[in-house]
Structures are given as C-alpha cells and as structure tokens.
Amino acid sequence: MSPHCHTSLLVWLRTKHSSLNSHLWKITKSDTLDCPHCLGINEDMIHFLLSCPHYACECHQFLSQLHQRVTHIPFLLSNSKGARLVLNYIDHTGHFKPTFGDVHVSS
C-alpha cells in the first residue's frame, strides 16, 4: 500500500467515514450498528481499535508497542508513531482488507 493510500485511510478513520457498522448504518448500508463479533455492541472506532474481544491479541500487541496506555483516538491517528501502529493493527486484523488490501507499513 502506498503512502498516499495510508494517508487516505487515516483521513477516512479521522472523519469516521469507514466500513465499520456504526458508519455504514448511518448511511443505510448496514442493517445494524452492532459489531459482527459482539452482540449488542456498536462497531465504532473505539470498539474496533481498543476493546473488541475478537481482536484482543492484535490489540494487546498494538497497545504494548505504544509503551503507554494511549487511548485517545485523535492522538493515535495524528501522531506519526501512533498512526503507523494503527495501520499495522488494521493490517493484522484484516478488517479493512476488502477495501484497502494490505495496509502494512514498515517500521
């Protein structure tokens, strides 16, 4: 994935226009707000990045690489290290692969 595509994905996430069900439901592209893995829990950015049990291993690795418990999403998406880790997390989950393909960035 090119740096331009990385930027596009980060802007997409910052503006909350994503393929997560919370956004898709708002634009009538999904019948539900729910996470496909967590009955009754909205699939929004915070849930996807920080609390979905389906991605618990990826989340643990992602947060441990930050060397601190940063859970402020705007910071993660705008800080160069945070953004790189978010992109790698997204790559490891495969969640946006149908839209963006492989998202991995080098260290």
PDB file of N, CA and C in Angstrom:
ATOM      1  N   MET A   1       0.848  -1.176   0.000  1.00  0.00           N
ATOM      2  CA  MET A   1       0.000   0.000   0.000  1.00  0.00           C
ATOM      3  C   MET A   1       0.894   1.239   0.000  1.00  0.00           C
ATOM      4  N   SER A   2       0.581   2.186  -0.819  1.00  0.00           N
ATOM      5  CA  SER A   2       1.401   3.394  -0.951  1.00  0.00           C
ATOM      6  C   SER A   2       1.161   4.367   0.200  1.00  0.00           C
ATOM      7  N   PRO A   3       2.113   5.262   0.442  1.00  0.00           N
ATOM      8  CA  PRO A   3       1.918   6.291   1.473  1.00  0.00           C
ATOM      9  C   PRO A   3       0.662   7.123   1.228  1.00  0.00           C
ATOM     10  N   HIS A   4       0.320   7.357  -0.048  1.00  0.00           N
ATOM     11  CA  HIS A   4      -0.906   8.097  -0.362  1.00  0.00           C
ATOM     12  C   HIS A   4      -2.132   7.339   0.152  1.00  0.00           C
ATOM     13  N   CYS A   5      -2.151   6.026  -0.046  1.00  0.00           N
ATOM     14  CA  CYS A   5      -3.267   5.211   0.443  1.00  0.00           C
ATOM     15  C   CYS A   5      -3.300   5.181   1.965  1.00  0.00           C
ATOM     16  N   HIS A   6      -2.128   5.161   2.597  1.00  0.00           N
ATOM     17  CA  HIS A   6      -2.081   5.229   4.063  1.00  0.00           C
ATOM     18  C   HIS A   6      -2.731   6.520   4.536  1.00  0.00           C
ATOM     19  N   THR A   7      -2.389   7.625   3.887  1.00  0.00           N
ATOM     20  CA  THR A   7      -2.969   8.919   4.252  1.00  0.00           C
ATOM     21  C   THR A   7      -4.474   8.899   4.053  1.00  0.00           C
ATOM     22  N   SER A   8      -4.924   8.337   2.947  1.00  0.00           N
ATOM     23  CA  SER A   8      -6.363   8.247   2.679  1.00  0.00           C
ATOM     24  C   SER A   8      -7.075   7.457   3.766  1.00  0.00           C
ATOM     25  N   LEU A   9      -6.497   6.337   4.160  1.00  0.00           N
ATOM     26  CA  LEU A   9      -7.105   5.522   5.206  1.00  0.00           C
ATOM     27  C   LEU A   9      -7.147   6.276   6.529  1.00  0.00           C
ATOM     28  N   LEU A  10      -6.080   6.969   6.887  1.00  0.00           N
ATOM     29  CA  LEU A  10      -6.064   7.732   8.138  1.00  0.00           C
ATOM     30  C   LEU A  10      -7.095   8.857   8.116  1.00  0.00           C
ATOM     31  N   VAL A  11      -7.246   9.536   6.992  1.00  0.00           N
ATOM     32  CA  VAL A  11      -8.278  10.578   6.877  1.00  0.00           C
ATOM     33  C   VAL A  11      -9.656   9.950   7.000  1.00  0.00           C
ATOM     34  N   TRP A  12      -9.844   8.832   6.374  1.00  0.00           N
ATOM     35  CA  TRP A  12     -11.101   8.083   6.431  1.00  0.00           C
ATOM     36  C   TRP A  12     -11.441   7.771   7.886  1.00  0.00           C
ATOM     37  N   LEU A  13     -10.454   7.321   8.645  1.00  0.00           N
ATOM     38  CA  LEU A  13     -10.675   6.992  10.051  1.00  0.00           C
ATOM     39  C   LEU A  13     -10.904   8.248  10.891  1.00  0.00           C
ATOM     40  N   ARG A  14     -10.145   9.302  10.637  1.00  0.00           N
ATOM     41  CA  ARG A  14     -10.307  10.551  11.398  1.00  0.00           C
ATOM     42  C   ARG A  14     -11.695  11.142  11.213  1.00  0.00           C
ATOM     43  N   THR A  15     -12.228  11.038  10.017  1.00  0.00           N
ATOM     44  CA  THR A  15     -13.543  11.615   9.737  1.00  0.00           C
ATOM     45  C   THR A  15     -14.681  10.639  10.049  1.00  0.00           C
ATOM     46  N   LYS A  16     -14.321   9.464  10.524  1.00  0.00           N
ATOM     47  CA  LYS A  16     -15.278   8.419  10.915  1.00  0.00           C
ATOM     48  C   LYS A  16     -16.120   7.923   9.737  1.00  0.00           C
ATOM     49  N   HIS A  17     -15.596   8.050   8.539  1.00  0.00           N
ATOM     50  CA  HIS A  17     -16.233   7.502   7.348  1.00  0.00           C
ATOM     51  C   HIS A  17     -15.511   6.202   7.013  1.00  0.00           C
ATOM     52  N   SER A  18     -15.961   5.137   7.618  1.00  0.00           N
ATOM     53  CA  SER A  18     -15.262   3.863   7.474  1.00  0.00           C
ATOM     54  C   SER A  18     -16.253   2.752   7.171  1.00  0.00           C
ATOM     55  N   SER A  19     -15.735   1.575   6.991  1.00  0.00           N
ATOM     56  CA  SER A  19     -16.611   0.425   6.755  1.00  0.00           C
ATOM     57  C   SER A  19     -16.991  -0.261   8.063  1.00  0.00           C
ATOM     58  N   LEU A  20     -16.864   0.452   9.173  1.00  0.00           N
ATOM     59  CA  LEU A  20     -17.374  -0.070  10.443  1.00  0.00           C
ATOM     60  C   LEU A  20     -18.890   0.123  10.454  1.00  0.00           C
ATOM     61  N   ASN A  21     -19.602  -0.791  11.090  1.00  0.00           N
ATOM     62  CA  ASN A  21     -21.061  -0.763  11.039  1.00  0.00           C
ATOM     63  C   ASN A  21     -21.680   0.514  11.578  1.00  0.00           C
ATOM     64  N   SER A  22     -21.045   1.183  12.528  1.00  0.00           N
ATOM     65  CA  SER A  22     -21.620   2.427  13.047  1.00  0.00           C
ATOM     66  C   SER A  22     -21.781   3.465  11.929  1.00  0.00           C
ATOM     67  N   HIS A  23     -20.823   3.533  11.022  1.00  0.00           N
ATOM     68  CA  HIS A  23     -20.932   4.468   9.892  1.00  0.00           C
ATOM     69  C   HIS A  23     -21.844   3.902   8.805  1.00  0.00           C
ATOM     70  N   LEU A  24     -21.684   2.640   8.480  1.00  0.00           N
ATOM     71  CA  LEU A  24     -22.500   2.045   7.421  1.00  0.00           C
ATOM     72  C   LEU A  24     -23.987   2.129   7.738  1.00  0.00           C
ATOM     73  N   TRP A  25     -24.341   1.978   9.012  1.00  0.00           N
ATOM     74  CA  TRP A  25     -25.738   2.076   9.425  1.00  0.00           C
ATOM     75  C   TRP A  25     -26.266   3.497   9.191  1.00  0.00           C
ATOM     76  N   LYS A  26     -25.439   4.505   9.493  1.00  0.00           N
ATOM     77  CA  LYS A  26     -25.853   5.909   9.308  1.00  0.00           C
ATOM     78  C   LYS A  26     -26.149   6.225   7.847  1.00  0.00           C
ATOM     79  N   ILE A  27     -25.449   5.588   6.941  1.00  0.00           N
ATOM     80  CA  ILE A  27     -25.664   5.856   5.515  1.00  0.00           C
ATOM     81  C   ILE A  27     -26.519   4.757   4.864  1.00  0.00           C
ATOM     82  N   THR A  28     -27.230   4.013   5.685  1.00  0.00           N
ATOM     83  CA  THR A  28     -28.145   2.935   5.285  1.00  0.00           C
ATOM     84  C   THR A  28     -27.497   1.864   4.398  1.00  0.00           C
ATOM     85  N   LYS A  29     -26.243   1.531   4.702  1.00  0.00           N
ATOM     86  CA  LYS A  29     -25.547   0.446   4.001  1.00  0.00           C
ATOM     87  C   LYS A  29     -25.413  -0.797   4.879  1.00  0.00           C
ATOM     88  N   SER A  30     -25.910  -0.696   6.115  1.00  0.00           N
ATOM     89  CA  SER A  30     -25.916  -1.838   7.029  1.00  0.00           C
ATOM     90  C   SER A  30     -27.226  -1.820   7.803  1.00  0.00           C
ATOM     91  N   ASP A  31     -27.724  -2.999   8.108  1.00  0.00           N
ATOM     92  CA  ASP A  31     -28.960  -3.112   8.879  1.00  0.00           C
ATOM     93  C   ASP A  31     -28.725  -2.979  10.369  1.00  0.00           C
ATOM     94  N   THR A  32     -27.468  -2.949  10.788  1.00  0.00           N
ATOM     95  CA  THR A  32     -27.161  -2.945  12.217  1.00  0.00           C
ATOM     96  C   THR A  32     -25.952  -2.069  12.527  1.00  0.00           C
ATOM     97  N   LEU A  33     -25.946  -1.555  13.754  1.00  0.00           N
ATOM     98  CA  LEU A  33     -24.782  -0.839  14.283  1.00  0.00           C
ATOM     99  C   LEU A  33     -23.794  -1.809  14.922  1.00  0.00           C
ATOM    100  N   ASP A  34     -24.262  -3.022  15.193  1.00  0.00           N
ATOM    101  CA  ASP A  34     -23.509  -3.971  16.011  1.00  0.00           C
ATOM    102  C   ASP A  34     -22.239  -4.490  15.348  1.00  0.00           C
ATOM    103  N   CYS A  35     -21.253  -4.733  16.200  1.00  0.00           N
ATOM    104  CA  CYS A  35     -20.038  -5.424  15.794  1.00  0.00           C
ATOM    105  C   CYS A  35     -20.429  -6.846  15.376  1.00  0.00           C
ATOM    106  N   PRO A  36     -19.900  -7.359  14.276  1.00  0.00           N
ATOM    107  CA  PRO A  36     -20.246  -8.716  13.860  1.00  0.00           C
ATOM    108  C   PRO A  36     -19.766  -9.793  14.836  1.00  0.00           C
ATOM    109  N   HIS A  37     -18.884  -9.425  15.762  1.00  0.00           N
ATOM    110  CA  HIS A  37     -18.340 -10.380  16.720  1.00  0.00           C
ATOM    111  C   HIS A  37     -18.906 -10.213  18.128  1.00  0.00           C
ATOM    112  N   CYS A  38     -19.598  -9.095  18.389  1.00  0.00           N
ATOM    113  CA  CYS A  38     -20.035  -8.757  19.752  1.00  0.00           C
ATOM    114  C   CYS A  38     -21.499  -8.332  19.738  1.00  0.00           C
ATOM    115  N   LEU A  39     -22.383  -9.233  20.033  1.00  0.00           N
ATOM    116  CA  LEU A  39     -23.815  -8.964  20.018  1.00  0.00           C
ATOM    117  C   LEU A  39     -24.166  -7.789  20.928  1.00  0.00           C
ATOM    118  N   GLY A  40     -24.848  -6.799  20.379  1.00  0.00           N
ATOM    119  CA  GLY A  40     -25.330  -5.673  21.165  1.00  0.00           C
ATOM    120  C   GLY A  40     -24.324  -4.562  21.409  1.00  0.00           C
ATOM    121  N   ILE A  41     -23.139  -4.648  20.827  1.00  0.00           N
ATOM    122  CA  ILE A  41     -22.105  -3.620  20.993  1.00  0.00           C
ATOM    123  C   ILE A  41     -21.908  -2.910  19.651  1.00  0.00           C
ATOM    124  N   ASN A  42     -21.988  -1.574  19.662  1.00  0.00           N
ATOM    125  CA  ASN A  42     -21.781  -0.810  18.430  1.00  0.00           C
ATOM    126  C   ASN A  42     -20.362  -1.002  17.908  1.00  0.00           C
ATOM    127  N   GLU A  43     -20.268  -1.253  16.627  1.00  0.00           N
ATOM    128  CA  GLU A  43     -18.954  -1.366  15.991  1.00  0.00           C
ATOM    129  C   GLU A  43     -18.516   0.035  15.551  1.00  0.00           C
ATOM    130  N   ASP A  44     -17.879   0.738  16.479  1.00  0.00           N
ATOM    131  CA  ASP A  44     -17.343   2.058  16.168  1.00  0.00           C
ATOM    132  C   ASP A  44     -15.822   2.005  16.285  1.00  0.00           C
ATOM    133  N   MET A  45     -15.189   3.135  16.063  1.00  0.00           N
ATOM    134  CA  MET A  45     -13.727   3.189  16.051  1.00  0.00           C
ATOM    135  C   MET A  45     -13.124   2.745  17.380  1.00  0.00           C
ATOM    136  N   ILE A  46     -13.667   3.240  18.486  1.00  0.00           N
ATOM    137  CA  ILE A  46     -13.124   2.885  19.801  1.00  0.00           C
ATOM    138  C   ILE A  46     -13.252   1.389  20.043  1.00  0.00           C
ATOM    139  N   HIS A  47     -14.424   0.836  19.732  1.00  0.00           N
ATOM    140  CA  HIS A  47     -14.616  -0.606  19.929  1.00  0.00           C
ATOM    141  C   HIS A  47     -13.636  -1.397  19.063  1.00  0.00           C
ATOM    142  N   PHE A  48     -13.544  -1.046  17.785  1.00  0.00           N
ATOM    143  CA  PHE A  48     -12.660  -1.775  16.876  1.00  0.00           C
ATOM    144  C   PHE A  48     -11.194  -1.680  17.298  1.00  0.00           C
ATOM    145  N   LEU A  49     -10.731  -0.489  17.622  1.00  0.00           N
ATOM    146  CA  LEU A  49      -9.309  -0.312  17.935  1.00  0.00           C
ATOM    147  C   LEU A  49      -8.912  -0.769  19.331  1.00  0.00           C
ATOM    148  N   LEU A  50      -9.816  -0.648  20.300  1.00  0.00           N
ATOM    149  CA  LEU A  50      -9.388  -0.817  21.688  1.00  0.00           C
ATOM    150  C   LEU A  50     -10.108  -1.879  22.503  1.00  0.00           C
ATOM    151  N   SER A  51     -11.288  -2.328  22.096  1.00  0.00           N
ATOM    152  CA  SER A  51     -11.995  -3.212  23.029  1.00  0.00           C
ATOM    153  C   SER A  51     -12.682  -4.431  22.437  1.00  0.00           C
ATOM    154  N   CYS A  52     -12.627  -4.640  21.137  1.00  0.00           N
ATOM    155  CA  CYS A  52     -13.289  -5.815  20.569  1.00  0.00           C
ATOM    156  C   CYS A  52     -12.532  -7.081  20.974  1.00  0.00           C
ATOM    157  N   PRO A  53     -13.200  -8.000  21.682  1.00  0.00           N
ATOM    158  CA  PRO A  53     -12.512  -9.226  22.108  1.00  0.00           C
ATOM    159  C   PRO A  53     -12.027 -10.085  20.935  1.00  0.00           C
ATOM    160  N   HIS A  54     -12.663  -9.941  19.782  1.00  0.00           N
ATOM    161  CA  HIS A  54     -12.248 -10.711  18.607  1.00  0.00           C
ATOM    162  C   HIS A  54     -10.816 -10.359  18.192  1.00  0.00           C
ATOM    163  N   TYR A  55     -10.413  -9.118  18.454  1.00  0.00           N
ATOM    164  CA  TYR A  55      -9.077  -8.659  18.097  1.00  0.00           C
ATOM    165  C   TYR A  55      -8.204  -8.439  19.328  1.00  0.00           C
ATOM    166  N   ALA A  56      -8.466  -9.152  20.396  1.00  0.00           N
ATOM    167  CA  ALA A  56      -7.755  -8.942  21.667  1.00  0.00           C
ATOM    168  C   ALA A  56      -6.242  -9.129  21.527  1.00  0.00           C
ATOM    169  N   CYS A  57      -5.797 -10.147  20.828  1.00  0.00           N
ATOM    170  CA  CYS A  57      -4.347 -10.376  20.666  1.00  0.00           C
ATOM    171  C   CYS A  57      -3.705  -9.241  19.885  1.00  0.00           C
ATOM    172  N   GLU A  58      -4.344  -8.845  18.780  1.00  0.00           N
ATOM    173  CA  GLU A  58      -3.820  -7.744  17.973  1.00  0.00           C
ATOM    174  C   GLU A  58      -3.806  -6.445  18.777  1.00  0.00           C
ATOM    175  N   CYS A  59      -4.859  -6.217  19.561  1.00  0.00           N
ATOM    176  CA  CYS A  59      -4.962  -5.010  20.378  1.00  0.00           C
ATOM    177  C   CYS A  59      -3.872  -4.980  21.444  1.00  0.00           C
ATOM    178  N   HIS A  60      -3.638  -6.110  22.087  1.00  0.00           N
ATOM    179  CA  HIS A  60      -2.594  -6.170  23.115  1.00  0.00           C
ATOM    180  C   HIS A  60      -1.229  -5.830  22.507  1.00  0.00           C
ATOM    181  N   GLN A  61      -0.937  -6.410  21.369  1.00  0.00           N
ATOM    182  CA  GLN A  61       0.337  -6.138  20.697  1.00  0.00           C
ATOM    183  C   GLN A  61       0.419  -4.666  20.297  1.00  0.00           C
ATOM    184  N   PHE A  62      -0.649  -4.134  19.754  1.00  0.00           N
ATOM    185  CA  PHE A  62      -0.728  -2.735  19.333  1.00  0.00           C
ATOM    186  C   PHE A  62      -0.473  -1.799  20.507  1.00  0.00           C
ATOM    187  N   LEU A  63      -1.176  -2.002  21.622  1.00  0.00           N
ATOM    188  CA  LEU A  63      -1.025  -1.118  22.781  1.00  0.00           C
ATOM    189  C   LEU A  63       0.338  -1.283  23.451  1.00  0.00           C
ATOM    190  N   SER A  64       0.873  -2.499  23.469  1.00  0.00           N
ATOM    191  CA  SER A  64       2.179  -2.701  24.108  1.00  0.00           C
ATOM    192  C   SER A  64       3.295  -1.999  23.328  1.00  0.00           C
ATOM    193  N   GLN A  65       3.128  -1.845  22.034  1.00  0.00           N
ATOM    194  CA  GLN A  65       4.129  -1.146  21.229  1.00  0.00           C
ATOM    195  C   GLN A  65       4.121   0.360  21.469  1.00  0.00           C
ATOM    196  N   LEU A  66       3.044   0.872  22.030  1.00  0.00           N
ATOM    197  CA  LEU A  66       2.978   2.301  22.339  1.00  0.00           C
ATOM    198  C   LEU A  66       3.757   2.634  23.603  1.00  0.00           C
ATOM    199  N   HIS A  67       4.064   1.626  24.413  1.00  0.00           N
ATOM    200  CA  HIS A  67       4.792   1.787  25.676  1.00  0.00           C
ATOM    201  C   HIS A  67       4.058   2.685  26.662  1.00  0.00           C
ATOM    202  N   GLN A  68       2.809   2.905  26.430  1.00  0.00           N
ATOM    203  CA  GLN A  68       1.952   3.630  27.360  1.00  0.00           C
ATOM    204  C   GLN A  68       0.515   3.330  26.971  1.00  0.00           C
ATOM    205  N   ARG A  69      -0.389   3.599  27.859  1.00  0.00           N
ATOM    206  CA  ARG A  69      -1.796   3.294  27.595  1.00  0.00           C
ATOM    207  C   ARG A  69      -2.474   4.516  26.960  1.00  0.00           C
ATOM    208  N   VAL A  70      -2.198   4.754  25.697  1.00  0.00           N
ATOM    209  CA  VAL A  70      -2.801   5.865  24.977  1.00  0.00           C
ATOM    210  C   VAL A  70      -4.093   5.368  24.337  1.00  0.00           C
ATOM    211  N   THR A  71      -5.204   5.941  24.730  1.00  0.00           N
ATOM    212  CA  THR A  71      -6.478   5.527  24.153  1.00  0.00           C
ATOM    213  C   THR A  71      -7.217   6.713  23.540  1.00  0.00           C
ATOM    214  N   HIS A  72      -6.520   7.809  23.330  1.00  0.00           N
ATOM    215  CA  HIS A  72      -7.117   8.991  22.707  1.00  0.00           C
ATOM    216  C   HIS A  72      -6.975   8.829  21.191  1.00  0.00           C
ATOM    217  N   ILE A  73      -8.066   8.465  20.543  1.00  0.00           N
ATOM    218  CA  ILE A  73      -8.035   8.113  19.124  1.00  0.00           C
ATOM    219  C   ILE A  73      -7.463   9.237  18.244  1.00  0.00           C
ATOM    220  N   PRO A  74      -7.881  10.502  18.413  1.00  0.00           N
ATOM    221  CA  PRO A  74      -7.283  11.550  17.563  1.00  0.00           C
ATOM    222  C   PRO A  74      -5.756  11.608  17.674  1.00  0.00           C
ATOM    223  N   PHE A  75      -5.215  11.393  18.874  1.00  0.00           N
ATOM    224  CA  PHE A  75      -3.759  11.368  19.033  1.00  0.00           C
ATOM    225  C   PHE A  75      -3.161  10.202  18.257  1.00  0.00           C
ATOM    226  N   LEU A  76      -3.764   9.033  18.386  1.00  0.00           N
ATOM    227  CA  LEU A  76      -3.236   7.851  17.697  1.00  0.00           C
ATOM    228  C   LEU A  76      -3.224   8.038  16.184  1.00  0.00           C
ATOM    229  N   LEU A  77      -4.215   8.739  15.661  1.00  0.00           N
ATOM    230  CA  LEU A  77      -4.323   8.907  14.215  1.00  0.00           C
ATOM    231  C   LEU A  77      -3.484  10.061  13.673  1.00  0.00           C
ATOM    232  N   SER A  78      -3.039  10.958  14.549  1.00  0.00           N
ATOM    233  CA  SER A  78      -2.279  12.114  14.069  1.00  0.00           C
ATOM    234  C   SER A  78      -0.792  12.044  14.415  1.00  0.00           C
ATOM    235  N   ASN A  79      -0.440  11.311  15.448  1.00  0.00           N
ATOM    236  CA  ASN A  79       0.955  11.127  15.838  1.00  0.00           C
ATOM    237  C   ASN A  79       1.590  10.119  14.880  1.00  0.00           C
ATOM    238  N   SER A  80       2.790  10.392  14.383  1.00  0.00           N
ATOM    239  CA  SER A  80       3.381   9.511  13.366  1.00  0.00           C
ATOM    240  C   SER A  80       3.563   8.077  13.858  1.00  0.00           C
ATOM    241  N   LYS A  81       4.039   7.897  15.094  1.00  0.00           N
ATOM    242  CA  LYS A  81       4.209   6.541  15.618  1.00  0.00           C
ATOM    243  C   LYS A  81       2.850   5.884  15.828  1.00  0.00           C
ATOM    244  N   GLY A  82       1.913   6.625  16.404  1.00  0.00           N
ATOM    245  CA  GLY A  82       0.573   6.086  16.633  1.00  0.00           C
ATOM    246  C   GLY A  82      -0.104   5.700  15.334  1.00  0.00           C
ATOM    247  N   ALA A  83      -0.007   6.561  14.322  1.00  0.00           N
ATOM    248  CA  ALA A  83      -0.636   6.276  13.031  1.00  0.00           C
ATOM    249  C   ALA A  83      -0.031   5.028  12.396  1.00  0.00           C
ATOM    250  N   ARG A  84       1.288   4.894  12.468  1.00  0.00           N
ATOM    251  CA  ARG A  84       1.956   3.705  11.911  1.00  0.00           C
ATOM    252  C   ARG A  84       1.472   2.441  12.619  1.00  0.00           C
ATOM    253  N   LEU A  85       1.339   2.518  13.952  1.00  0.00           N
ATOM    254  CA  LEU A  85       0.872   1.358  14.711  1.00  0.00           C
ATOM    255  C   LEU A  85      -0.594   1.051  14.417  1.00  0.00           C
ATOM    256  N   VAL A  86      -1.414   2.088  14.250  1.00  0.00           N
ATOM    257  CA  VAL A  86      -2.820   1.875  13.883  1.00  0.00           C
ATOM    258  C   VAL A  86      -2.897   1.174  12.531  1.00  0.00           C
ATOM    259  N   LEU A  87      -2.115   1.625  11.570  1.00  0.00           N
ATOM    260  CA  LEU A  87      -2.125   0.991  10.245  1.00  0.00           C
ATOM    261  C   LEU A  87      -1.672  -0.465  10.325  1.00  0.00           C
ATOM    262  N   ASN A  88      -0.654  -0.752  11.114  1.00  0.00           N
ATOM    263  CA  ASN A  88      -0.211  -2.144  11.279  1.00  0.00           C
ATOM    264  C   ASN A  88      -1.270  -2.981  11.990  1.00  0.00           C
ATOM    265  N   TYR A  89      -1.940  -2.400  12.990  1.00  0.00           N
ATOM    266  CA  TYR A  89      -3.033  -3.093  13.681  1.00  0.00           C
ATOM    267  C   TYR A  89      -4.134  -3.444  12.680  1.00  0.00           C
ATOM    268  N   ILE A  90      -4.510  -2.472  11.864  1.00  0.00           N
ATOM    269  CA  ILE A  90      -5.544  -2.701  10.854  1.00  0.00           C
ATOM    270  C   ILE A  90      -5.107  -3.806   9.897  1.00  0.00           C
ATOM    271  N   ASP A  91      -3.851  -3.794   9.502  1.00  0.00           N
ATOM    272  CA  ASP A  91      -3.329  -4.839   8.626  1.00  0.00           C
ATOM    273  C   ASP A  91      -3.438  -6.210   9.293  1.00  0.00           C
ATOM    274  N   HIS A  92      -3.055  -6.303  10.572  1.00  0.00           N
ATOM    275  CA  HIS A  92      -3.099  -7.588  11.278  1.00  0.00           C
ATOM    276  C   HIS A  92      -4.523  -8.098  11.474  1.00  0.00           C
ATOM    277  N   THR A  93      -5.489  -7.191  11.666  1.00  0.00           N
ATOM    278  CA  THR A  93      -6.870  -7.649  11.849  1.00  0.00           C
ATOM    279  C   THR A  93      -7.495  -8.072  10.528  1.00  0.00           C
ATOM    280  N   GLY A  94      -7.029  -7.489   9.435  1.00  0.00           N
ATOM    281  CA  GLY A  94      -7.611  -7.790   8.128  1.00  0.00           C
ATOM    282  C   GLY A  94      -8.985  -7.180   7.909  1.00  0.00           C
ATOM    283  N   HIS A  95      -9.433  -6.372   8.850  1.00  0.00           N
ATOM    284  CA  HIS A  95     -10.804  -5.865   8.808  1.00  0.00           C
ATOM    285  C   HIS A  95     -11.097  -4.996   7.581  1.00  0.00           C
ATOM    286  N   PHE A  96     -10.169  -4.186   7.162  1.00  0.00           N
ATOM    287  CA  PHE A  96     -10.394  -3.296   6.029  1.00  0.00           C
ATOM    288  C   PHE A  96      -9.777  -3.822   4.732  1.00  0.00           C
ATOM    289  N   LYS A  97      -9.339  -5.070   4.740  1.00  0.00           N
ATOM    290  CA  LYS A  97      -8.668  -5.650   3.568  1.00  0.00           C
ATOM    291  C   LYS A  97      -9.536  -5.625   2.305  1.00  0.00           C
ATOM    292  N   PRO A  98     -10.850  -5.891   2.404  1.00  0.00           N
ATOM    293  CA  PRO A  98     -11.655  -5.837   1.176  1.00  0.00           C
ATOM    294  C   PRO A  98     -11.636  -4.457   0.504  1.00  0.00           C
ATOM    295  N   THR A  99     -11.469  -3.409   1.292  1.00  0.00           N
ATOM    296  CA  THR A  99     -11.469  -2.051   0.751  1.00  0.00           C
ATOM    297  C   THR A  99     -10.074  -1.562   0.402  1.00  0.00           C
ATOM    298  N   PHE A 100      -9.110  -1.809   1.300  1.00  0.00           N
ATOM    299  CA  PHE A 100      -7.778  -1.229   1.153  1.00  0.00           C
ATOM    300  C   PHE A 100      -6.676  -2.233   0.837  1.00  0.00           C
ATOM    301  N   GLY A 101      -6.973  -3.508   0.855  1.00  0.00           N
ATOM    302  CA  GLY A 101      -5.929  -4.502   0.633  1.00  0.00           C
ATOM    303  C   GLY A 101      -4.972  -4.550   1.813  1.00  0.00           C
ATOM    304  N   ASP A 102      -3.730  -4.938   1.559  1.00  0.00           N
ATOM    305  CA  ASP A 102      -2.727  -4.977   2.626  1.00  0.00           C
ATOM    306  C   ASP A 102      -2.363  -3.554   3.027  1.00  0.00           C
ATOM    307  N   VAL A 103      -2.348  -3.311   4.340  1.00  0.00           N
ATOM    308  CA  VAL A 103      -2.145  -1.966   4.867  1.00  0.00           C
ATOM    309  C   VAL A 103      -0.778  -1.813   5.515  1.00  0.00           C
ATOM    310  N   HIS A 104      -0.046  -2.883   5.677  1.00  0.00           N
ATOM    311  CA  HIS A 104       1.207  -2.877   6.442  1.00  0.00           C
ATOM    312  C   HIS A 104       2.166  -1.769   6.007  1.00  0.00           C
ATOM    313  N   VAL A 105       2.759  -1.141   7.015  1.00  0.00           N
ATOM    314  CA  VAL A 105       3.825  -0.161   6.765  1.00  0.00           C
ATOM    315  C   VAL A 105       5.081  -0.661   7.453  1.00  0.00           C
ATOM    316  N   SER A 106       6.229  -0.337   6.897  1.00  0.00           N
ATOM    317  CA  SER A 106       7.479  -0.776   7.524  1.00  0.00           C
ATOM    318  C   SER A 106       7.789   0.094   8.727  1.00  0.00           C
ATOM    319  N   SER A 107       8.592  -0.434   9.637  1.00  0.00           N
ATOM    320  CA  SER A 107       8.911   0.261  10.886  1.00  0.00           C
ATOM    321  C   SER A 107       9.692   1.509  10.668  1.00  0.00           C
TER     322      SER A 107
END
